[in-house]
N, C-alpha and C. Protein backbone atom coordinates (compact mmCIF):
# COMPACT_ATOMS: atom_id res chain seq x y z
N MET A 1 46.93 52.45 130.58
CA MET A 1 47.84 53.17 131.60
C MET A 1 49.20 52.44 131.66
N ALA A 2 49.18 51.13 131.55
CA ALA A 2 50.56 50.56 131.52
C ALA A 2 51.47 50.88 130.32
N LEU A 3 50.56 51.00 129.25
CA LEU A 3 51.46 51.13 128.01
C LEU A 3 52.16 52.63 128.08
N SER A 4 51.30 53.45 128.47
CA SER A 4 51.76 54.97 128.64
C SER A 4 52.81 55.10 129.72
N LEU A 5 52.72 54.35 130.71
CA LEU A 5 53.90 54.38 131.61
C LEU A 5 55.09 53.80 131.20
N LEU A 6 54.90 52.78 130.31
CA LEU A 6 56.12 52.12 129.76
C LEU A 6 56.89 52.88 128.72
N VAL A 7 55.92 53.83 128.01
CA VAL A 7 56.64 54.90 127.12
C VAL A 7 57.40 55.83 127.82
N VAL A 8 56.78 56.40 129.13
CA VAL A 8 57.45 57.28 129.79
C VAL A 8 58.82 56.70 130.53
N SER A 9 58.66 55.52 130.95
CA SER A 9 59.92 54.97 131.47
C SER A 9 60.89 54.72 130.33
N ILE A 10 60.58 54.25 129.24
CA ILE A 10 61.46 54.13 128.23
C ILE A 10 62.23 55.55 127.66
N SER A 11 61.42 56.58 127.59
CA SER A 11 61.90 57.82 127.31
C SER A 11 62.82 58.40 128.43
N PHE A 12 62.60 58.04 129.69
CA PHE A 12 63.57 58.46 130.66
C PHE A 12 64.83 57.71 130.61
N TYR A 13 64.73 56.42 130.28
CA TYR A 13 66.00 55.77 130.18
C TYR A 13 66.94 56.28 128.95
N LEU A 14 66.15 56.43 127.92
CA LEU A 14 66.86 57.00 126.70
C LEU A 14 67.39 58.40 127.09
N LYS A 15 66.75 59.28 127.77
CA LYS A 15 67.29 60.59 127.99
C LYS A 15 68.65 60.43 128.63
N GLU A 16 68.77 59.38 129.48
CA GLU A 16 70.36 59.42 130.21
C GLU A 16 71.54 59.03 129.29
N TYR A 17 71.17 58.74 128.00
CA TYR A 17 72.10 58.52 127.13
C TYR A 17 72.24 59.45 125.87
N ILE A 18 71.63 60.60 126.00
CA ILE A 18 71.46 61.43 124.94
C ILE A 18 71.87 62.80 125.34
N SER A 19 72.52 63.55 124.71
CA SER A 19 72.83 65.03 125.01
C SER A 19 71.85 65.67 125.33
N PRO A 20 71.77 66.75 126.40
CA PRO A 20 70.60 67.69 126.68
C PRO A 20 70.60 68.69 125.65
N ASP A 21 71.36 68.91 124.73
CA ASP A 21 71.23 70.02 123.73
C ASP A 21 70.55 69.32 122.45
N SER A 22 70.54 68.01 122.04
CA SER A 22 70.13 67.56 121.04
C SER A 22 68.37 67.67 120.75
N ASP A 23 68.15 67.53 119.63
CA ASP A 23 66.57 67.74 119.40
C ASP A 23 65.99 66.40 119.94
N LEU A 24 66.48 65.27 119.85
CA LEU A 24 65.94 64.07 120.45
C LEU A 24 65.66 64.20 121.97
N TYR A 25 66.55 64.82 122.77
CA TYR A 25 66.31 64.99 124.08
C TYR A 25 64.96 65.83 124.34
N ALA A 26 64.89 66.89 123.62
CA ALA A 26 63.57 67.64 123.55
C ALA A 26 62.36 66.90 123.11
N THR A 27 62.39 66.07 122.22
CA THR A 27 61.34 65.04 121.71
C THR A 27 61.00 64.02 122.83
N LEU A 28 62.00 63.67 123.36
CA LEU A 28 61.75 62.41 124.57
C LEU A 28 61.02 63.15 125.68
N SER A 29 61.54 64.42 125.95
CA SER A 29 60.88 65.24 127.06
C SER A 29 59.28 65.35 126.85
N LEU A 30 59.09 65.73 125.56
CA LEU A 30 57.52 65.85 125.26
C LEU A 30 56.96 64.46 125.14
N VAL A 31 57.57 63.53 124.78
CA VAL A 31 57.03 62.10 124.84
C VAL A 31 56.67 61.79 126.26
N SER A 32 57.57 62.05 127.18
CA SER A 32 57.33 61.91 128.72
C SER A 32 56.19 62.48 129.14
N VAL A 33 56.00 63.78 128.75
CA VAL A 33 54.90 64.49 129.18
C VAL A 33 53.49 63.83 128.70
N ALA A 34 53.58 63.67 127.51
CA ALA A 34 52.29 63.11 126.52
C ALA A 34 52.09 61.72 127.34
N GLY A 35 52.92 61.15 127.51
CA GLY A 35 52.79 59.68 128.39
C GLY A 35 51.98 59.79 129.67
N VAL A 36 52.43 60.52 130.47
CA VAL A 36 51.86 61.07 131.78
C VAL A 36 50.38 61.48 131.48
N VAL A 37 50.41 62.43 130.54
CA VAL A 37 48.84 62.97 130.30
C VAL A 37 48.13 61.74 129.87
N VAL A 38 48.42 60.93 129.12
CA VAL A 38 47.71 59.83 128.66
C VAL A 38 47.33 58.82 129.79
N MET A 39 48.36 58.54 130.62
CA MET A 39 48.14 57.73 131.86
C MET A 39 46.91 58.46 132.75
N VAL A 40 47.08 59.81 133.00
CA VAL A 40 46.16 60.47 133.96
C VAL A 40 44.47 60.20 133.16
N ILE A 41 44.56 60.31 131.92
CA ILE A 41 43.31 60.17 131.23
C ILE A 41 42.83 58.92 131.45
N ALA A 42 43.72 57.85 131.05
CA ALA A 42 43.20 56.65 131.30
C ALA A 42 42.93 56.05 132.65
N PHE A 43 43.73 56.59 133.51
CA PHE A 43 43.36 56.24 135.07
C PHE A 43 41.88 56.77 135.33
N SER A 44 41.57 58.15 134.81
CA SER A 44 40.29 58.83 135.20
C SER A 44 39.24 57.91 134.51
N LEU A 45 39.36 57.26 133.25
CA LEU A 45 38.42 56.80 132.63
C LEU A 45 38.33 55.29 133.04
N GLY A 46 39.35 54.72 133.80
CA GLY A 46 39.32 53.23 134.17
C GLY A 46 39.37 52.85 135.48
N LEU A 47 40.54 52.89 136.10
CA LEU A 47 40.88 52.42 137.29
C LEU A 47 40.45 53.53 138.40
N GLY A 48 40.55 54.83 138.19
CA GLY A 48 40.18 55.84 139.00
C GLY A 48 38.68 55.56 139.60
N ALA A 49 37.73 55.17 138.80
CA ALA A 49 36.54 54.86 139.40
C ALA A 49 36.31 53.53 139.89
N MET A 50 37.20 52.64 140.00
CA MET A 50 37.14 51.16 140.15
C MET A 50 36.49 51.00 141.55
N PRO A 51 37.11 51.75 142.56
CA PRO A 51 36.74 51.33 144.01
C PRO A 51 35.23 51.85 144.17
N TRP A 52 34.69 52.98 143.64
CA TRP A 52 33.53 53.51 143.65
C TRP A 52 32.51 52.79 142.97
N ILE A 53 32.84 52.13 141.93
CA ILE A 53 31.82 51.05 141.19
C ILE A 53 31.81 49.93 141.92
N ILE A 54 32.96 49.35 142.36
CA ILE A 54 32.82 48.11 143.09
C ILE A 54 31.92 48.28 144.34
N MET A 55 32.19 49.43 145.25
CA MET A 55 31.43 49.56 146.37
C MET A 55 29.87 49.78 146.03
N SER A 56 29.38 50.17 144.87
CA SER A 56 27.98 50.34 144.65
C SER A 56 27.35 49.17 143.96
N GLU A 57 28.10 48.37 143.42
CA GLU A 57 27.64 47.11 142.64
C GLU A 57 27.58 45.88 143.32
N ILE A 58 28.95 45.66 144.16
CA ILE A 58 29.12 44.30 144.88
C ILE A 58 28.77 44.23 146.23
N LEU A 59 28.97 45.30 146.95
CA LEU A 59 28.66 45.42 148.34
C LEU A 59 27.21 45.21 148.60
N PRO A 60 26.82 44.20 149.73
CA PRO A 60 25.34 44.20 150.24
C PRO A 60 24.91 45.44 151.11
N ILE A 61 23.73 45.65 151.10
CA ILE A 61 23.18 46.87 151.72
C ILE A 61 23.71 47.06 153.19
N ASN A 62 23.58 45.75 153.91
CA ASN A 62 23.91 46.05 155.49
C ASN A 62 25.32 46.21 155.81
N ILE A 63 26.21 46.07 154.82
CA ILE A 63 27.74 46.41 155.19
C ILE A 63 28.35 47.55 154.24
N LYS A 64 27.42 48.01 153.39
CA LYS A 64 27.80 49.16 152.38
C LYS A 64 28.55 50.35 153.07
N GLY A 65 28.05 50.77 154.37
CA GLY A 65 28.54 51.94 154.96
C GLY A 65 29.81 51.67 155.41
N LEU A 66 30.05 50.49 156.18
CA LEU A 66 31.42 50.30 156.83
C LEU A 66 32.58 49.86 155.79
N ALA A 67 31.99 49.04 154.78
CA ALA A 67 32.92 48.55 153.80
C ALA A 67 33.32 49.59 152.73
N GLY A 68 32.22 50.59 152.64
CA GLY A 68 32.60 51.74 151.83
C GLY A 68 33.49 52.64 152.37
N SER A 69 33.30 52.76 153.72
CA SER A 69 34.40 53.54 154.37
C SER A 69 35.77 52.97 154.45
N PHE A 70 35.87 51.55 154.56
CA PHE A 70 37.22 50.99 154.45
C PHE A 70 37.85 51.06 153.05
N ALA A 71 37.12 51.01 151.94
CA ALA A 71 37.46 51.14 150.66
C ALA A 71 38.07 52.53 150.39
N THR A 72 37.13 53.56 151.01
CA THR A 72 37.66 54.86 150.69
C THR A 72 39.12 55.02 151.50
N LEU A 73 39.14 54.46 152.60
CA LEU A 73 40.37 54.59 153.55
C LEU A 73 41.39 54.02 152.68
N ALA A 74 41.21 52.86 152.10
CA ALA A 74 42.31 52.08 151.31
C ALA A 74 42.81 52.93 150.05
N ASN A 75 41.81 53.41 149.27
CA ASN A 75 42.03 54.33 148.30
C ASN A 75 43.07 55.40 148.50
N TRP A 76 42.46 56.16 149.63
CA TRP A 76 43.20 57.42 149.94
C TRP A 76 44.65 57.05 150.47
N PHE A 77 44.72 56.05 151.16
CA PHE A 77 46.00 55.60 151.95
C PHE A 77 47.12 55.31 150.53
N PHE A 78 46.51 54.44 149.70
CA PHE A 78 47.52 54.19 148.61
C PHE A 78 47.79 55.27 147.64
N SER A 79 46.89 56.34 147.68
CA SER A 79 47.27 57.62 146.89
C SER A 79 48.25 58.34 147.80
N TRP A 80 48.10 58.34 149.16
CA TRP A 80 49.20 59.05 149.90
C TRP A 80 50.52 58.34 149.68
N LEU A 81 50.49 57.04 149.68
CA LEU A 81 51.69 56.42 149.63
C LEU A 81 52.31 56.64 148.31
N VAL A 82 51.71 56.61 147.26
CA VAL A 82 52.24 56.98 146.04
C VAL A 82 53.04 58.25 145.87
N THR A 83 52.21 59.19 146.43
CA THR A 83 52.72 60.69 146.73
C THR A 83 53.92 60.65 147.60
N LEU A 84 53.97 59.87 148.57
CA LEU A 84 55.16 59.93 149.49
C LEU A 84 56.47 59.48 148.84
N THR A 85 56.18 58.28 148.19
CA THR A 85 57.30 57.65 147.76
C THR A 85 57.70 58.14 146.15
N THR A 86 57.00 58.82 145.55
CA THR A 86 57.39 59.27 144.04
C THR A 86 58.65 60.10 143.99
N ASN A 87 58.82 61.12 144.65
CA ASN A 87 60.02 61.77 144.84
C ASN A 87 61.42 60.85 145.30
N LEU A 88 61.12 60.07 146.16
CA LEU A 88 62.26 59.06 146.51
C LEU A 88 62.58 58.29 145.54
N LEU A 89 61.68 57.79 144.68
CA LEU A 89 61.92 56.70 143.70
C LEU A 89 62.54 57.49 142.50
N LEU A 90 61.96 58.84 142.22
CA LEU A 90 62.49 59.68 141.07
C LEU A 90 63.82 59.79 141.31
N ASP A 91 64.39 60.23 142.58
CA ASP A 91 65.89 60.41 142.90
C ASP A 91 66.51 59.05 142.60
N TRP A 92 66.08 58.02 142.88
CA TRP A 92 66.75 56.72 142.57
C TRP A 92 66.80 56.48 141.09
N SER A 93 65.79 56.48 140.35
CA SER A 93 65.78 56.30 138.88
C SER A 93 64.59 56.61 138.22
N SER A 94 64.40 57.41 137.54
CA SER A 94 63.23 58.09 136.86
C SER A 94 62.52 57.04 136.00
N GLY A 95 63.48 56.39 134.97
CA GLY A 95 62.78 55.28 134.46
C GLY A 95 62.43 53.89 135.35
N GLY A 96 63.24 53.78 136.16
CA GLY A 96 62.86 52.49 137.22
C GLY A 96 61.63 53.04 137.88
N THR A 97 61.38 54.25 138.20
CA THR A 97 60.13 54.48 138.80
C THR A 97 58.88 54.26 138.10
N PHE A 98 58.89 54.46 136.71
CA PHE A 98 57.78 54.32 135.98
C PHE A 98 57.79 52.65 135.63
N ILE A 99 58.76 51.99 135.52
CA ILE A 99 58.67 50.55 135.29
C ILE A 99 57.90 50.01 136.47
N ILE A 100 58.22 50.39 137.70
CA ILE A 100 57.43 50.04 139.02
C ILE A 100 55.97 50.19 138.76
N TYR A 101 55.67 51.41 138.36
CA TYR A 101 54.31 51.82 138.23
C TYR A 101 53.86 51.09 137.04
N THR A 102 54.37 50.66 136.05
CA THR A 102 53.83 49.93 134.83
C THR A 102 53.59 48.40 135.48
N ALA A 103 54.44 47.86 136.30
CA ALA A 103 54.38 46.67 136.85
C ALA A 103 53.18 46.70 137.99
N VAL A 104 52.79 47.70 138.54
CA VAL A 104 51.47 47.69 139.29
C VAL A 104 50.40 47.70 138.58
N CYS A 105 50.43 48.48 137.48
CA CYS A 105 49.32 48.43 136.49
C CYS A 105 49.00 47.33 135.99
N VAL A 106 49.94 46.53 135.53
CA VAL A 106 49.86 45.16 135.05
C VAL A 106 49.24 44.17 136.07
N PHE A 107 49.92 44.35 137.14
CA PHE A 107 49.28 43.52 138.31
C PHE A 107 47.68 43.74 138.63
N THR A 108 47.52 45.06 138.73
CA THR A 108 46.09 45.41 138.87
C THR A 108 45.19 45.08 137.91
N ALA A 109 45.63 45.01 136.62
CA ALA A 109 44.66 44.76 135.34
C ALA A 109 44.39 43.25 135.48
N GLY A 110 45.50 42.45 135.81
CA GLY A 110 45.35 40.94 136.05
C GLY A 110 44.39 40.66 137.16
N PHE A 111 44.73 41.26 138.25
CA PHE A 111 43.75 41.24 139.36
C PHE A 111 42.37 41.32 139.08
N VAL A 112 42.05 42.55 138.50
CA VAL A 112 40.50 42.97 138.03
C VAL A 112 40.02 41.87 137.10
N ALA A 113 40.90 41.44 136.10
CA ALA A 113 40.20 40.50 135.30
C ALA A 113 40.00 39.23 135.80
N ILE A 114 40.93 38.64 136.81
CA ILE A 114 40.52 37.45 137.41
C ILE A 114 39.46 37.45 138.64
N TRP A 115 39.50 38.47 139.52
CA TRP A 115 38.86 38.27 140.69
C TRP A 115 37.58 39.27 140.80
N VAL A 116 37.49 40.24 140.02
CA VAL A 116 36.29 41.15 140.03
C VAL A 116 35.25 40.66 138.97
N PRO A 117 34.22 40.22 139.61
CA PRO A 117 33.13 39.70 138.77
C PRO A 117 32.50 40.77 137.76
N GLU A 118 31.98 40.22 136.62
CA GLU A 118 31.30 40.96 135.74
C GLU A 118 29.69 41.14 136.47
N THR A 119 29.39 42.21 136.55
CA THR A 119 27.92 42.68 137.29
C THR A 119 26.84 42.86 136.37
N LYS A 120 27.01 43.24 135.03
CA LYS A 120 26.12 43.57 134.11
C LYS A 120 24.87 42.42 133.96
N GLY A 121 23.83 43.05 134.14
CA GLY A 121 22.70 42.28 134.14
C GLY A 121 22.38 41.32 135.20
N LYS A 122 23.13 41.40 136.39
CA LYS A 122 22.92 40.48 137.48
C LYS A 122 22.44 41.17 138.57
N THR A 123 21.53 40.42 139.40
CA THR A 123 21.10 40.93 140.76
C THR A 123 22.09 40.70 141.75
N LEU A 124 21.78 41.61 142.69
CA LEU A 124 22.63 41.77 143.87
C LEU A 124 22.72 40.38 144.54
N GLU A 125 21.72 39.49 144.50
CA GLU A 125 21.87 38.29 145.27
C GLU A 125 22.93 37.38 144.22
N GLU A 126 22.64 37.35 142.82
CA GLU A 126 23.58 36.59 142.04
C GLU A 126 25.06 36.89 142.11
N ILE A 127 25.14 38.22 142.42
CA ILE A 127 26.63 38.83 142.64
C ILE A 127 27.11 38.21 144.06
N GLN A 128 26.36 38.21 144.89
CA GLN A 128 26.55 37.74 146.45
C GLN A 128 27.01 36.39 146.38
N GLN A 129 26.37 35.68 145.54
CA GLN A 129 26.37 34.07 145.48
C GLN A 129 28.03 33.92 144.80
N PHE A 130 28.33 34.68 143.79
CA PHE A 130 29.61 34.70 143.31
C PHE A 130 30.78 34.45 144.37
N PHE A 131 30.64 35.13 145.61
CA PHE A 131 31.73 35.42 146.46
C PHE A 131 31.51 34.19 147.70
N ARG A 132 30.60 33.50 147.39
CA ARG A 132 30.46 32.37 148.45
C ARG A 132 31.07 31.08 148.12
């Protein structure tokens, strides 16, 4: 996701310095669209499912309902926040917007790598022990 967003950002930055009539401008437009499509596919295969996977594998049964509701609320809140701010950020800078999104993706990947435990082959009790 981060790489595809970085490609989109670079193509937007380059488009600012190229004549709209050139072939390179059209190519960069296609690269931007392809980068967004790759990001959406990567999101769907990776981070898009993350809240639902974490809820099902990590949360204990006695708080799964409440914590699942909170995770769903947080997921939709941040989706709303991105939707709300995208047009404002694009008016500010198209390339800068996607650099910010790239930074968020890199931060999220680091967060998941450091703090989300591997659950393959572990019981719920072993997973809960990780958080104690």
